[in-house]
Structures are given as C-alpha cells and as structure tokens.
Amino acid sequence: MSVVFLVWADRDTRDAAYGYLALVLWVGIAAGTPVLIAGAVSVRKMRRRVRQQDRTGNAPS
C-alpha cells in the first residue's frame, strides 16, 4: 500500500501528503517487526517448556 501512496504523491504535488503517509507506514513496519519477532520467539520457548513438562508428568505451575 505504501508503494501506491508513493505513486500518488509523485503524480501530483497536491497529493504530497500521501508520500508522508507512505513513510509513516514504513517506519511502523520497521518498528513493529522486531516486536513481532520477539513475541514469536518467546511463544515458541513457552510452548517447548509446556510440552516438556507434559512429557515428564509435571503439571505446569
């Protein structure tokens, strides 16, 4: 979607705000990606611990 915003901003100077919106989207993506990766890694670790506890017969506390 940000590429479309950049094309609209480049087409007419009155639509320059779309270029800024595209930049805001890219900053949001760049800032959100590490957060999503960190969340996925922690979920994977938690699932592994729960499965290991299920195998040993210990109830998770």
C-alpha atoms as a PDB file:
ATOM      1  CA  MET A   1       0.000   0.000   0.000  1.00  0.00           C
ATOM      2  CA  SER A   2       2.841   2.377   0.704  1.00  0.00           C
ATOM      3  CA  VAL A   3       4.099   1.971  -2.860  1.00  0.00           C
ATOM      4  CA  VAL A   4       0.678   3.115  -4.088  1.00  0.00           C
ATOM      5  CA  PHE A   5       0.887   6.124  -1.784  1.00  0.00           C
ATOM      6  CA  LEU A   6       4.311   6.989  -3.192  1.00  0.00           C
ATOM      7  CA  VAL A   7       2.997   6.770  -6.756  1.00  0.00           C
ATOM      8  CA  TRP A   8       0.067   9.049  -5.914  1.00  0.00           C
ATOM      9  CA  ALA A   9       2.395  11.550  -4.236  1.00  0.00           C
ATOM     10  CA  ASP A  10       4.741  11.541  -7.214  1.00  0.00           C
ATOM     11  CA  ARG A  11       1.929  12.011  -9.710  1.00  0.00           C
ATOM     12  CA  ASP A  12       0.670  15.341  -8.371  1.00  0.00           C
ATOM     13  CA  THR A  13       2.200  17.847  -5.948  1.00  0.00           C
ATOM     14  CA  ARG A  14      -1.171  18.426  -4.280  1.00  0.00           C
ATOM     15  CA  ASP A  15      -1.071  14.819  -3.110  1.00  0.00           C
ATOM     16  CA  ALA A  16       2.294  15.124  -1.379  1.00  0.00           C
ATOM     17  CA  ALA A  17       0.754  14.058   1.937  1.00  0.00           C
ATOM     18  CA  TYR A  18       0.499  10.519   0.580  1.00  0.00           C
ATOM     19  CA  GLY A  19       4.285  10.387   0.440  1.00  0.00           C
ATOM     20  CA  TYR A  20       4.492  11.243   4.120  1.00  0.00           C
ATOM     21  CA  LEU A  21       1.867   8.614   4.865  1.00  0.00           C
ATOM     22  CA  ALA A  22       3.965   6.050   2.999  1.00  0.00           C
ATOM     23  CA  LEU A  23       6.984   6.988   5.119  1.00  0.00           C
ATOM     24  CA  VAL A  24       4.942   6.620   8.310  1.00  0.00           C
ATOM     25  CA  LEU A  25       3.861   3.153   7.190  1.00  0.00           C
ATOM     26  CA  TRP A  26       7.470   2.109   6.542  1.00  0.00           C
ATOM     27  CA  VAL A  27       8.565   3.394   9.963  1.00  0.00           C
ATOM     28  CA  GLY A  28       5.710   1.472  11.563  1.00  0.00           C
ATOM     29  CA  ILE A  29       6.718  -1.701   9.771  1.00  0.00           C
ATOM     30  CA  ALA A  30      10.369  -1.231  10.719  1.00  0.00           C
ATOM     31  CA  ALA A  31       9.476  -0.638  14.372  1.00  0.00           C
ATOM     32  CA  GLY A  32       6.904  -3.423  14.590  1.00  0.00           C
ATOM     33  CA  THR A  33       8.926  -6.222  13.038  1.00  0.00           C
ATOM     34  CA  PRO A  34      11.367  -6.720  15.956  1.00  0.00           C
ATOM     35  CA  VAL A  35       8.452  -6.700  18.398  1.00  0.00           C
ATOM     36  CA  LEU A  36       6.651  -9.414  16.438  1.00  0.00           C
ATOM     37  CA  ILE A  37       9.819 -11.498  16.168  1.00  0.00           C
ATOM     38  CA  ALA A  38      10.468 -11.217  19.914  1.00  0.00           C
ATOM     39  CA  GLY A  39       6.907 -12.279  20.634  1.00  0.00           C
ATOM     40  CA  ALA A  40       7.169 -15.286  18.336  1.00  0.00           C
ATOM     41  CA  VAL A  41      10.431 -16.419  19.937  1.00  0.00           C
ATOM     42  CA  SER A  42       9.031 -16.182  23.464  1.00  0.00           C
ATOM     43  CA  VAL A  43       5.859 -18.067  22.489  1.00  0.00           C
ATOM     44  CA  ARG A  44       7.975 -20.820  20.958  1.00  0.00           C
ATOM     45  CA  LYS A  45      10.026 -21.132  24.145  1.00  0.00           C
ATOM     46  CA  MET A  46       6.897 -21.265  26.320  1.00  0.00           C
ATOM     47  CA  ARG A  47       5.319 -23.969  24.160  1.00  0.00           C
ATOM     48  CA  ARG A  48       8.509 -26.021  24.327  1.00  0.00           C
ATOM     49  CA  ARG A  49       8.542 -25.794  28.138  1.00  0.00           C
ATOM     50  CA  VAL A  50       4.891 -26.821  28.418  1.00  0.00           C
ATOM     51  CA  ARG A  51       5.421 -29.805  26.117  1.00  0.00           C
ATOM     52  CA  GLN A  52       8.490 -30.864  28.072  1.00  0.00           C
ATOM     53  CA  GLN A  53       6.554 -30.668  31.345  1.00  0.00           C
ATOM     54  CA  ASP A  54       3.705 -32.721  29.822  1.00  0.00           C
ATOM     55  CA  ARG A  55       6.159 -35.445  28.834  1.00  0.00           C
ATOM     56  CA  THR A  56       7.696 -35.661  32.288  1.00  0.00           C
ATOM     57  CA  GLY A  57       4.304 -35.649  34.013  1.00  0.00           C
ATOM     58  CA  ASN A  58       4.863 -32.413  35.908  1.00  0.00           C
ATOM     59  CA  ALA A  59       1.893 -30.070  35.900  1.00  0.00           C
ATOM     60  CA  PRO A  60       2.733 -26.510  34.828  1.00  0.00           C
ATOM     61  CA  SER A  61       2.559 -24.067  37.711  1.00  0.00           C
END
